[in-house]
Amino acid sequence: MLIALGADGRLGYGELAELTGMSESTVRRRLGRMLREGTVVPRCEIAQSVSGFPTFVHYLADVPSTELAHVGASIAAVNEVRMCAAIAARHGLLITAWVRSLPDTRRLEAHLAERFPHLVVEDRRLTLANPKRMGHLLDTEGRSIDFVPMDMWS
């Protein structure tokens, strides 16, 4: 069911039932439970080129473990931030963001440093082209042109 929704999250219960071999009532019940429990979270993507935020930046940062949950949740709420995750690596926090321009990467970093004094950005990286996102192959403008299922069960 998740693989089918990954290809097209707009599928109706009947279409999902047909694609998965389950009954429509089973699909409705299981999907409802996954949405309620937060196992599945609907997400709507936009082509980055038309978003007004064409620059994709990644920050690898450190923050004291006692501050990680609070700082991570607060950073995740910053408008430009697309993802903030604790990671098991040399640097414990990964922040990815979309910004309007290359100089905005430094402005965002300065904002984070000012707002979160315990945060230390150790490395930063730019993504110049993103040919795939969440299983969708993208054209040069960032629009979906094909889908490669992300089947973690196979």
N, C-alpha and C. Protein backbone atom coordinates (compact mmCIF):
# COMPACT_ATOMS: atom_id res chain seq x y z
N MET A 1 0.83 -1.18 0.00
CA MET A 1 0.00 0.00 0.00
C MET A 1 0.89 1.26 0.00
N LEU A 2 1.96 1.24 0.81
CA LEU A 2 2.83 2.40 0.87
C LEU A 2 3.58 2.63 -0.44
N ILE A 3 3.95 1.56 -1.10
CA ILE A 3 4.64 1.69 -2.39
C ILE A 3 3.71 2.33 -3.41
N ALA A 4 2.46 1.90 -3.43
CA ALA A 4 1.47 2.48 -4.36
C ALA A 4 1.23 3.95 -4.04
N LEU A 5 1.14 4.29 -2.76
CA LEU A 5 0.94 5.69 -2.37
C LEU A 5 2.18 6.53 -2.66
N GLY A 6 3.36 5.93 -2.60
CA GLY A 6 4.59 6.64 -2.94
C GLY A 6 4.58 7.10 -4.38
N ALA A 7 4.03 6.27 -5.25
CA ALA A 7 3.95 6.63 -6.67
C ALA A 7 2.90 7.72 -6.90
N ASP A 8 1.77 7.61 -6.20
CA ASP A 8 0.70 8.60 -6.35
C ASP A 8 -0.11 8.65 -5.06
N GLY A 9 0.18 9.64 -4.25
CA GLY A 9 -0.49 9.78 -2.96
C GLY A 9 -1.94 10.20 -3.06
N ARG A 10 -2.43 10.44 -4.28
CA ARG A 10 -3.82 10.85 -4.47
C ARG A 10 -4.75 9.69 -4.76
N LEU A 11 -4.23 8.46 -4.72
CA LEU A 11 -5.06 7.30 -5.04
C LEU A 11 -6.21 7.17 -4.05
N GLY A 12 -7.34 6.77 -4.57
CA GLY A 12 -8.51 6.53 -3.73
C GLY A 12 -8.48 5.13 -3.13
N TYR A 13 -9.38 4.87 -2.20
CA TYR A 13 -9.43 3.57 -1.54
C TYR A 13 -9.64 2.44 -2.54
N GLY A 14 -10.51 2.64 -3.51
CA GLY A 14 -10.79 1.61 -4.51
C GLY A 14 -9.56 1.30 -5.36
N GLU A 15 -8.84 2.35 -5.76
CA GLU A 15 -7.62 2.15 -6.56
C GLU A 15 -6.55 1.44 -5.74
N LEU A 16 -6.42 1.82 -4.47
CA LEU A 16 -5.44 1.16 -3.60
C LEU A 16 -5.81 -0.31 -3.39
N ALA A 17 -7.09 -0.58 -3.23
CA ALA A 17 -7.53 -1.97 -3.06
C ALA A 17 -7.19 -2.79 -4.29
N GLU A 18 -7.44 -2.23 -5.46
CA GLU A 18 -7.14 -2.94 -6.71
C GLU A 18 -5.64 -3.19 -6.87
N LEU A 19 -4.83 -2.21 -6.55
CA LEU A 19 -3.38 -2.34 -6.71
C LEU A 19 -2.74 -3.29 -5.69
N THR A 20 -3.34 -3.38 -4.49
CA THR A 20 -2.75 -4.18 -3.42
C THR A 20 -3.37 -5.56 -3.27
N GLY A 21 -4.53 -5.77 -3.86
CA GLY A 21 -5.21 -7.05 -3.70
C GLY A 21 -5.98 -7.16 -2.40
N MET A 22 -6.10 -6.06 -1.67
CA MET A 22 -6.88 -6.04 -0.43
C MET A 22 -8.28 -5.54 -0.73
N SER A 23 -9.18 -5.77 0.21
CA SER A 23 -10.52 -5.21 0.04
C SER A 23 -10.47 -3.72 0.32
N GLU A 24 -11.45 -3.01 -0.20
CA GLU A 24 -11.51 -1.57 0.02
C GLU A 24 -11.67 -1.24 1.50
N SER A 25 -12.46 -2.03 2.22
CA SER A 25 -12.64 -1.75 3.65
C SER A 25 -11.33 -2.00 4.42
N THR A 26 -10.55 -2.99 4.03
CA THR A 26 -9.26 -3.24 4.68
C THR A 26 -8.31 -2.08 4.42
N VAL A 27 -8.27 -1.60 3.18
CA VAL A 27 -7.41 -0.47 2.83
C VAL A 27 -7.82 0.75 3.64
N ARG A 28 -9.11 1.03 3.70
CA ARG A 28 -9.62 2.18 4.45
C ARG A 28 -9.24 2.08 5.93
N ARG A 29 -9.43 0.91 6.52
CA ARG A 29 -9.14 0.70 7.94
C ARG A 29 -7.64 0.82 8.22
N ARG A 30 -6.81 0.16 7.40
CA ARG A 30 -5.35 0.18 7.64
C ARG A 30 -4.76 1.58 7.41
N LEU A 31 -5.18 2.23 6.35
CA LEU A 31 -4.66 3.57 6.07
C LEU A 31 -5.11 4.55 7.15
N GLY A 32 -6.35 4.44 7.57
CA GLY A 32 -6.85 5.29 8.66
C GLY A 32 -6.04 5.12 9.92
N ARG A 33 -5.73 3.86 10.27
CA ARG A 33 -4.93 3.58 11.47
C ARG A 33 -3.53 4.17 11.32
N MET A 34 -2.90 3.97 10.16
CA MET A 34 -1.53 4.49 9.95
C MET A 34 -1.50 6.01 10.01
N LEU A 35 -2.53 6.66 9.50
CA LEU A 35 -2.58 8.13 9.57
C LEU A 35 -2.79 8.60 11.00
N ARG A 36 -3.69 7.96 11.73
CA ARG A 36 -3.94 8.32 13.13
C ARG A 36 -2.70 8.14 13.99
N GLU A 37 -1.98 7.02 13.78
CA GLU A 37 -0.81 6.70 14.60
C GLU A 37 0.43 7.48 14.18
N GLY A 38 0.37 8.12 13.02
CA GLY A 38 1.52 8.85 12.52
C GLY A 38 2.55 7.97 11.83
N THR A 39 2.18 6.72 11.56
CA THR A 39 3.07 5.82 10.83
C THR A 39 3.27 6.31 9.41
N VAL A 40 2.23 6.90 8.86
CA VAL A 40 2.27 7.51 7.53
C VAL A 40 1.90 8.97 7.69
N VAL A 41 2.72 9.83 7.11
CA VAL A 41 2.46 11.26 7.17
C VAL A 41 2.37 11.79 5.74
N PRO A 42 1.21 12.31 5.34
CA PRO A 42 1.08 12.84 3.98
C PRO A 42 2.06 13.99 3.76
N ARG A 43 2.59 14.06 2.55
CA ARG A 43 3.57 15.09 2.23
C ARG A 43 3.32 15.53 0.79
N CYS A 44 3.31 16.82 0.60
CA CYS A 44 3.13 17.37 -0.74
C CYS A 44 4.41 18.10 -1.14
N GLU A 45 5.03 17.67 -2.21
CA GLU A 45 6.26 18.28 -2.68
C GLU A 45 5.96 19.35 -3.73
N ILE A 46 6.89 20.26 -3.86
CA ILE A 46 6.81 21.30 -4.88
C ILE A 46 8.13 21.29 -5.63
N ALA A 47 8.07 21.59 -6.91
CA ALA A 47 9.31 21.68 -7.69
C ALA A 47 10.16 22.79 -7.10
N GLN A 48 11.38 22.46 -6.74
CA GLN A 48 12.25 23.43 -6.06
C GLN A 48 12.48 24.67 -6.91
N SER A 49 12.55 24.51 -8.22
CA SER A 49 12.82 25.64 -9.10
C SER A 49 11.72 26.70 -9.08
N VAL A 50 10.50 26.31 -8.77
CA VAL A 50 9.39 27.27 -8.73
C VAL A 50 8.97 27.63 -7.31
N SER A 51 9.70 27.09 -6.32
CA SER A 51 9.34 27.31 -4.92
C SER A 51 9.76 28.68 -4.41
N GLY A 52 10.69 29.33 -5.14
CA GLY A 52 11.27 30.57 -4.63
C GLY A 52 12.46 30.31 -3.72
N PHE A 53 12.77 29.03 -3.51
CA PHE A 53 13.90 28.61 -2.68
C PHE A 53 14.74 27.59 -3.46
N PRO A 54 15.46 28.04 -4.47
CA PRO A 54 16.15 27.10 -5.36
C PRO A 54 17.48 26.54 -4.84
N THR A 55 18.00 27.04 -3.73
CA THR A 55 19.29 26.60 -3.23
C THR A 55 19.10 25.62 -2.08
N PHE A 56 19.69 24.45 -2.21
CA PHE A 56 19.55 23.38 -1.22
C PHE A 56 20.86 23.26 -0.45
N VAL A 57 20.81 23.48 0.87
CA VAL A 57 22.00 23.45 1.73
C VAL A 57 21.82 22.43 2.85
N HIS A 58 22.94 21.78 3.19
CA HIS A 58 22.96 20.82 4.30
C HIS A 58 23.98 21.31 5.32
N TYR A 59 23.61 21.26 6.57
CA TYR A 59 24.53 21.60 7.65
C TYR A 59 24.72 20.36 8.52
N LEU A 60 25.97 20.06 8.84
CA LEU A 60 26.28 19.03 9.82
C LEU A 60 26.70 19.78 11.07
N ALA A 61 26.03 19.49 12.18
CA ALA A 61 26.23 20.29 13.39
C ALA A 61 26.32 19.42 14.63
N ASP A 62 26.81 20.05 15.66
CA ASP A 62 26.86 19.41 16.97
C ASP A 62 26.08 20.25 17.96
N VAL A 63 25.46 19.57 18.89
CA VAL A 63 24.74 20.22 19.98
C VAL A 63 24.84 19.26 21.17
N PRO A 64 24.96 19.78 22.37
CA PRO A 64 25.03 18.87 23.53
C PRO A 64 23.82 17.93 23.55
N SER A 65 24.07 16.68 23.92
CA SER A 65 23.00 15.69 23.90
C SER A 65 21.83 16.09 24.79
N THR A 66 22.09 16.85 25.84
CA THR A 66 21.00 17.30 26.72
C THR A 66 20.10 18.32 26.04
N GLU A 67 20.60 18.96 24.99
CA GLU A 67 19.84 19.99 24.27
C GLU A 67 19.26 19.48 22.96
N LEU A 68 19.65 18.26 22.55
CA LEU A 68 19.34 17.76 21.22
C LEU A 68 17.85 17.76 20.89
N ALA A 69 17.03 17.22 21.76
CA ALA A 69 15.60 17.13 21.48
C ALA A 69 14.97 18.51 21.33
N HIS A 70 15.26 19.41 22.25
CA HIS A 70 14.69 20.76 22.21
C HIS A 70 15.20 21.54 21.00
N VAL A 71 16.51 21.55 20.81
CA VAL A 71 17.11 22.31 19.71
C VAL A 71 16.66 21.73 18.37
N GLY A 72 16.69 20.41 18.25
CA GLY A 72 16.26 19.77 17.00
C GLY A 72 14.84 20.12 16.62
N ALA A 73 13.92 20.03 17.58
CA ALA A 73 12.52 20.36 17.31
C ALA A 73 12.36 21.83 16.95
N SER A 74 13.09 22.71 17.61
CA SER A 74 13.00 24.14 17.32
C SER A 74 13.57 24.48 15.95
N ILE A 75 14.68 23.84 15.59
CA ILE A 75 15.26 24.07 14.26
C ILE A 75 14.33 23.56 13.18
N ALA A 76 13.70 22.43 13.42
CA ALA A 76 12.78 21.86 12.43
C ALA A 76 11.62 22.81 12.13
N ALA A 77 11.29 23.69 13.06
CA ALA A 77 10.19 24.64 12.87
C ALA A 77 10.60 25.90 12.11
N VAL A 78 11.90 26.08 11.83
CA VAL A 78 12.36 27.25 11.06
C VAL A 78 11.87 27.11 9.63
N ASN A 79 11.32 28.19 9.06
CA ASN A 79 10.67 28.13 7.75
C ASN A 79 11.49 27.46 6.65
N GLU A 80 12.76 27.79 6.53
CA GLU A 80 13.56 27.26 5.44
C GLU A 80 13.96 25.80 5.63
N VAL A 81 13.88 25.31 6.83
CA VAL A 81 14.36 23.96 7.14
C VAL A 81 13.36 22.92 6.63
N ARG A 82 13.89 22.00 5.82
CA ARG A 82 13.09 20.91 5.27
C ARG A 82 13.17 19.67 6.16
N MET A 83 14.33 19.50 6.82
CA MET A 83 14.50 18.34 7.68
C MET A 83 15.58 18.65 8.72
N CYS A 84 15.35 18.20 9.92
CA CYS A 84 16.35 18.28 10.98
C CYS A 84 16.30 16.94 11.68
N ALA A 85 17.44 16.23 11.68
CA ALA A 85 17.44 14.88 12.24
C ALA A 85 18.70 14.63 13.06
N ALA A 86 18.51 13.94 14.18
CA ALA A 86 19.65 13.45 14.95
C ALA A 86 20.19 12.25 14.18
N ILE A 87 21.51 12.20 14.03
CA ILE A 87 22.12 11.10 13.28
C ILE A 87 23.24 10.47 14.10
N ALA A 88 23.50 9.20 13.83
CA ALA A 88 24.58 8.49 14.51
C ALA A 88 25.83 8.61 13.64
N ALA A 89 26.50 9.73 13.77
CA ALA A 89 27.68 10.02 12.96
C ALA A 89 28.59 10.95 13.76
N ARG A 90 29.67 11.36 13.14
CA ARG A 90 30.64 12.24 13.81
C ARG A 90 29.96 13.50 14.33
N HIS A 91 29.09 14.07 13.53
CA HIS A 91 28.30 15.22 13.95
C HIS A 91 26.87 14.72 14.16
N GLY A 92 26.27 15.08 15.27
CA GLY A 92 25.02 14.47 15.68
C GLY A 92 23.74 15.04 15.10
N LEU A 93 23.84 16.11 14.31
CA LEU A 93 22.63 16.75 13.80
C LEU A 93 22.79 17.08 12.33
N LEU A 94 21.82 16.68 11.54
CA LEU A 94 21.79 17.00 10.11
C LEU A 94 20.62 17.94 9.87
N ILE A 95 20.91 19.07 9.25
CA ILE A 95 19.89 20.07 8.94
C ILE A 95 19.92 20.28 7.43
N THR A 96 18.78 20.12 6.78
CA THR A 96 18.70 20.43 5.36
C THR A 96 17.69 21.56 5.18
N ALA A 97 18.01 22.48 4.29
CA ALA A 97 17.15 23.66 4.11
C ALA A 97 17.15 24.10 2.66
N TRP A 98 16.08 24.75 2.28
CA TRP A 98 15.98 25.41 0.99
C TRP A 98 16.04 26.91 1.27
N VAL A 99 16.90 27.63 0.57
CA VAL A 99 17.00 29.07 0.74
C VAL A 99 16.92 29.76 -0.62
N ARG A 100 16.74 31.07 -0.60
CA ARG A 100 16.53 31.83 -1.84
C ARG A 100 17.78 32.01 -2.68
N SER A 101 18.96 32.05 -2.03
CA SER A 101 20.19 32.32 -2.77
C SER A 101 21.39 31.79 -1.99
N LEU A 102 22.52 31.76 -2.65
CA LEU A 102 23.75 31.32 -1.98
C LEU A 102 24.08 32.17 -0.75
N PRO A 103 24.00 33.51 -0.83
CA PRO A 103 24.26 34.30 0.39
C PRO A 103 23.29 33.99 1.53
N ASP A 104 22.09 33.51 1.20
CA ASP A 104 21.12 33.16 2.25
C ASP A 104 21.55 31.94 3.06
N THR A 105 22.46 31.13 2.52
CA THR A 105 22.96 30.00 3.31
C THR A 105 23.70 30.51 4.54
N ARG A 106 24.48 31.57 4.37
CA ARG A 106 25.21 32.17 5.50
C ARG A 106 24.28 32.91 6.44
N ARG A 107 23.26 33.57 5.88
CA ARG A 107 22.28 34.26 6.71
C ARG A 107 21.54 33.26 7.59
N LEU A 108 21.13 32.12 7.00
CA LEU A 108 20.43 31.10 7.79
C LEU A 108 21.36 30.53 8.85
N GLU A 109 22.59 30.27 8.49
CA GLU A 109 23.54 29.74 9.47
C GLU A 109 23.75 30.71 10.62
N ALA A 110 23.85 32.00 10.32
CA ALA A 110 24.01 33.02 11.36
C ALA A 110 22.77 33.07 12.25
N HIS A 111 21.60 32.98 11.64
CA HIS A 111 20.34 32.97 12.40
C HIS A 111 20.31 31.78 13.36
N LEU A 112 20.69 30.60 12.87
CA LEU A 112 20.70 29.42 13.72
C LEU A 112 21.69 29.57 14.87
N ALA A 113 22.87 30.11 14.58
CA ALA A 113 23.89 30.29 15.61
C ALA A 113 23.43 31.28 16.68
N GLU A 114 22.74 32.33 16.23
CA GLU A 114 22.25 33.34 17.19
C GLU A 114 21.12 32.78 18.05
N ARG A 115 20.21 32.06 17.42
CA ARG A 115 19.04 31.55 18.13
C ARG A 115 19.37 30.35 19.03
N PHE A 116 20.39 29.57 18.60
CA PHE A 116 20.75 28.36 19.34
C PHE A 116 22.25 28.41 19.68
N PRO A 117 22.60 29.07 20.76
CA PRO A 117 24.02 29.28 21.08
C PRO A 117 24.81 27.99 21.31
N HIS A 118 24.14 26.89 21.65
CA HIS A 118 24.84 25.62 21.87
C HIS A 118 25.11 24.89 20.56
N LEU A 119 24.52 25.34 19.48
CA LEU A 119 24.68 24.70 18.17
C LEU A 119 26.00 25.13 17.54
N VAL A 120 26.77 24.15 17.07
CA VAL A 120 28.02 24.43 16.37
C VAL A 120 27.94 23.77 15.00
N VAL A 121 27.87 24.59 13.93
CA VAL A 121 27.86 24.06 12.58
C VAL A 121 29.30 23.69 12.23
N GLU A 122 29.52 22.40 11.96
CA GLU A 122 30.85 21.88 11.69
C GLU A 122 31.16 21.78 10.20
N ASP A 123 30.12 21.62 9.39
CA ASP A 123 30.31 21.48 7.95
C ASP A 123 29.05 21.91 7.24
N ARG A 124 29.21 22.35 6.02
CA ARG A 124 28.06 22.74 5.21
C ARG A 124 28.30 22.26 3.79
N ARG A 125 27.20 21.90 3.11
CA ARG A 125 27.28 21.37 1.75
C ARG A 125 26.10 21.87 0.94
N LEU A 126 26.37 22.15 -0.33
CA LEU A 126 25.31 22.57 -1.24
C LEU A 126 24.97 21.40 -2.17
N THR A 127 23.70 21.27 -2.52
CA THR A 127 23.28 20.32 -3.54
C THR A 127 23.00 21.14 -4.79
N LEU A 128 23.79 20.90 -5.83
CA LEU A 128 23.65 21.69 -7.06
C LEU A 128 22.58 21.14 -7.99
N ALA A 129 22.34 19.86 -7.92
CA ALA A 129 21.29 19.24 -8.74
C ALA A 129 20.70 18.09 -7.95
N ASN A 130 19.41 17.93 -8.03
CA ASN A 130 18.73 16.88 -7.29
C ASN A 130 17.91 16.05 -8.29
N PRO A 131 18.46 14.98 -8.84
CA PRO A 131 17.77 14.22 -9.87
C PRO A 131 16.67 13.30 -9.36
N LYS A 132 16.60 13.10 -8.03
CA LYS A 132 15.61 12.18 -7.47
C LYS A 132 15.22 12.62 -6.07
N ARG A 133 13.93 12.54 -5.75
CA ARG A 133 13.45 12.85 -4.41
C ARG A 133 12.28 11.93 -4.08
N MET A 134 12.40 11.24 -2.95
CA MET A 134 11.35 10.34 -2.46
C MET A 134 10.89 9.35 -3.54
N GLY A 135 11.85 8.85 -4.31
CA GLY A 135 11.54 7.86 -5.34
C GLY A 135 11.13 8.45 -6.68
N HIS A 136 10.92 9.75 -6.74
CA HIS A 136 10.51 10.39 -7.99
C HIS A 136 11.73 10.91 -8.73
N LEU A 137 11.87 10.53 -10.00
CA LEU A 137 12.93 11.07 -10.84
C LEU A 137 12.48 12.45 -11.28
N LEU A 138 13.40 13.42 -11.23
CA LEU A 138 13.05 14.81 -11.49
C LEU A 138 13.73 15.31 -12.76
N ASP A 139 13.05 16.22 -13.46
CA ASP A 139 13.68 16.88 -14.61
C ASP A 139 14.55 18.02 -14.08
N THR A 140 15.14 18.79 -14.98
CA THR A 140 16.06 19.86 -14.55
C THR A 140 15.36 20.96 -13.76
N GLU A 141 14.04 21.06 -13.89
CA GLU A 141 13.27 22.05 -13.13
C GLU A 141 12.80 21.51 -11.78
N GLY A 142 13.03 20.23 -11.54
CA GLY A 142 12.62 19.63 -10.27
C GLY A 142 11.22 19.05 -10.29
N ARG A 143 10.66 18.84 -11.49
CA ARG A 143 9.32 18.25 -11.61
C ARG A 143 9.42 16.74 -11.81
N SER A 144 8.48 16.02 -11.24
CA SER A 144 8.49 14.56 -11.33
C SER A 144 8.23 14.11 -12.77
N ILE A 145 9.10 13.23 -13.26
CA ILE A 145 8.93 12.69 -14.61
C ILE A 145 8.79 11.17 -14.62
N ASP A 146 9.15 10.54 -13.50
CA ASP A 146 9.05 9.08 -13.41
C ASP A 146 9.14 8.71 -11.93
N PHE A 147 8.87 7.46 -11.65
CA PHE A 147 8.89 6.99 -10.26
C PHE A 147 9.64 5.67 -10.16
N VAL A 148 10.53 5.57 -9.19
CA VAL A 148 11.23 4.33 -8.87
C VAL A 148 10.81 3.97 -7.46
N PRO A 149 10.04 2.89 -7.31
CA PRO A 149 9.53 2.55 -5.97
C PRO A 149 10.66 2.39 -4.95
N MET A 150 10.42 2.94 -3.78
CA MET A 150 11.36 2.78 -2.65
C MET A 150 10.83 1.59 -1.83
N ASP A 151 11.12 0.39 -2.31
CA ASP A 151 10.60 -0.82 -1.68
C ASP A 151 11.59 -1.33 -0.65
N MET A 152 11.42 -0.90 0.60
CA MET A 152 12.35 -1.31 1.66
C MET A 152 12.08 -2.73 2.14
N TRP A 153 11.06 -3.38 1.61
CA TRP A 153 10.73 -4.73 2.03
C TRP A 153 11.27 -5.78 1.06
N SER A 154 11.83 -5.34 -0.05
CA SER A 154 12.31 -6.37 -1.00
C SER A 154 13.78 -6.64 -0.82
